[in-house]
Protein backbone atom coordinates (compact mmCIF):
# COMPACT_ATOMS: atom_id res chain seq x y z
CA MET A 1 0.00 0.00 0.00
CA THR A 2 1.23 3.48 -0.83
CA THR A 3 1.35 5.74 2.20
CA LEU A 4 2.18 9.39 2.75
CA TYR A 5 5.97 9.24 2.48
CA THR A 6 6.52 6.20 0.23
CA PRO A 7 6.18 7.73 -3.28
CA THR A 8 9.30 8.85 -5.12
CA ARG A 9 9.28 12.24 -6.80
CA ASP A 10 8.46 10.54 -10.13
CA GLU A 11 5.58 8.60 -8.56
CA LEU A 12 4.25 11.79 -7.02
CA ALA A 13 4.48 13.47 -10.46
CA THR A 14 2.34 10.65 -11.87
CA LEU A 15 -0.19 11.19 -9.09
CA LEU A 16 -0.29 14.89 -10.00
CA GLU A 17 -0.89 14.36 -13.73
CA GLY A 18 -3.26 17.01 -15.05
CA GLU A 19 -2.04 19.59 -12.52
CA PRO A 20 0.27 22.46 -13.48
CA ARG A 21 3.95 21.36 -13.38
CA TYR A 22 4.76 23.65 -10.44
CA ARG A 23 2.36 21.70 -8.22
CA LEU A 24 4.95 18.92 -7.92
CA ASP A 25 7.42 21.33 -6.29
CA GLN A 26 4.72 22.72 -4.02
CA VAL A 27 3.57 19.31 -2.85
CA TRP A 28 7.10 17.89 -2.56
CA GLN A 29 8.20 20.88 -0.47
CA GLY A 30 5.08 20.65 1.68
CA LEU A 31 5.61 16.96 2.38
CA TYR A 32 9.39 16.77 2.71
CA THR A 33 10.54 20.26 3.75
CA GLN A 34 7.62 21.42 5.87
CA LEU A 35 6.70 17.85 6.94
CA ALA A 36 3.06 18.76 6.42
CA GLU A 37 0.20 16.39 5.83
CA PRO A 38 -1.69 17.00 2.57
CA ALA A 39 -4.49 18.93 4.32
CA GLU A 40 -1.87 21.37 5.68
CA ILE A 41 -0.28 22.27 2.32
CA SER A 42 -2.05 25.60 2.01
CA ASN A 43 -0.57 26.72 -1.32
CA VAL A 44 -2.43 24.06 -3.34
CA PRO A 45 -6.19 23.91 -3.98
CA LYS A 46 -8.40 22.24 -1.39
CA ALA A 47 -9.59 19.65 -3.93
CA LEU A 48 -5.98 18.60 -4.55
CA ARG A 49 -5.25 18.43 -0.82
CA GLU A 50 -8.26 16.15 -0.40
CA ARG A 51 -7.18 13.98 -3.34
CA LEU A 52 -3.66 13.66 -1.93
CA GLY A 53 -5.00 12.84 1.52
CA ALA A 54 -7.11 10.02 0.10
CA ALA A 55 -4.30 8.68 -2.10
CA LEU A 56 -1.53 8.98 0.51
CA PRO A 57 -2.80 7.94 3.94
CA THR A 58 -0.48 8.05 6.93
CA ALA A 59 1.01 4.65 7.79
CA LEU A 60 0.49 4.87 11.55
CA THR A 61 -3.13 5.60 12.21
CA GLN A 62 -4.41 2.97 14.62
CA VAL A 63 -3.18 2.98 18.22
CA ILE A 64 -3.92 -0.40 19.80
CA ARG A 65 -2.55 0.46 23.22
CA LYS A 66 -1.11 3.53 24.94
CA VAL A 67 0.68 3.26 28.28
CA SER A 68 2.13 6.21 30.19
CA ASP A 69 4.01 6.55 33.44
CA ASP A 70 4.06 10.05 34.91
CA GLY A 71 3.83 11.65 31.48
CA ASP A 72 7.56 11.67 30.75
CA THR A 73 7.41 8.34 28.91
CA VAL A 74 4.56 7.18 26.70
CA LYS A 75 4.54 3.77 25.00
CA TYR A 76 2.34 3.14 21.94
CA LEU A 77 1.47 -0.08 20.14
CA TRP A 78 0.45 0.65 16.54
CA ALA A 79 -1.35 -1.53 13.98
CA LEU A 80 -0.11 -1.22 10.41
CA ASP A 81 -2.34 -1.71 7.40
CA ASP A 82 -0.78 -5.11 6.70
CA GLY A 83 -1.66 -6.40 10.19
CA SER A 84 1.85 -6.00 11.59
CA LYS A 85 2.34 -4.23 14.88
CA ILE A 86 5.12 -1.88 15.90
CA GLU A 87 5.91 -0.20 19.15
CA THR A 88 7.11 3.33 19.78
CA VAL A 89 8.20 4.96 23.00
CA LEU A 90 8.11 8.73 23.40
CA MET A 91 10.55 9.95 26.07
CA ILE A 92 10.32 13.56 27.19
CA TYR A 93 13.40 15.08 28.83
CA PRO A 94 13.95 18.67 29.99
CA ASP A 95 16.30 19.38 27.06
CA ARG A 96 14.97 17.07 24.32
CA VAL A 97 12.33 14.60 23.18
CA THR A 98 13.32 11.14 21.93
CA VAL A 99 11.27 8.55 20.08
CA CYS A 100 12.28 4.89 19.92
CA VAL A 101 10.72 2.75 17.21
CA SER A 102 10.83 -1.04 17.38
CA SER A 103 12.17 -2.83 14.34
CA GLN A 104 13.07 -6.33 13.23
CA ALA A 105 16.78 -5.43 13.47
CA GLY A 106 16.60 -4.76 17.20
CA CYS A 107 18.16 -1.85 19.03
CA ALA A 108 21.60 -1.25 20.52
CA MET A 109 20.30 0.98 23.36
CA ALA A 110 19.14 -1.98 25.50
CA CYS A 111 16.56 0.04 27.48
CA GLY A 112 15.20 -2.12 30.30
CA PHE A 113 11.55 -1.32 29.56
CA CYS A 114 11.75 -2.20 25.86
CA ALA A 115 11.49 -5.72 24.45
CA THR A 116 13.21 -4.65 21.23
CA GLY A 117 16.16 -3.26 23.17
CA GLN A 118 16.43 -6.41 25.26
CA ALA A 119 16.66 -8.52 22.10
CA GLY A 120 19.96 -6.89 21.17
CA PHE A 121 21.05 -5.56 17.82
CA ARG A 122 22.00 -7.56 14.71
């Protein structure tokens, strides 16, 4: 399934066929420079924003479980469109915010609260 950030520039150009050529730059900049979702790209017509939103859904939309301690750490379990599940942990520190994302490769950080970290890194 194609999601918001999977298309190449050429694939995005194909999706924008029939639009003026400059729309590709506008949409590309909105997605990859401004990190905006299609509905937030204000320099393209609303109809195009809606079309892009329907054609390019975000990959992480369904939270299965959310667990939080005192608010400084929040753990999410996400369902992907293909039925797979991934876990993210949002850690809020006074000077920064960090997000850990589980992956099949593991993680070298070895955080005690994270099953991915405990599995090691390949």
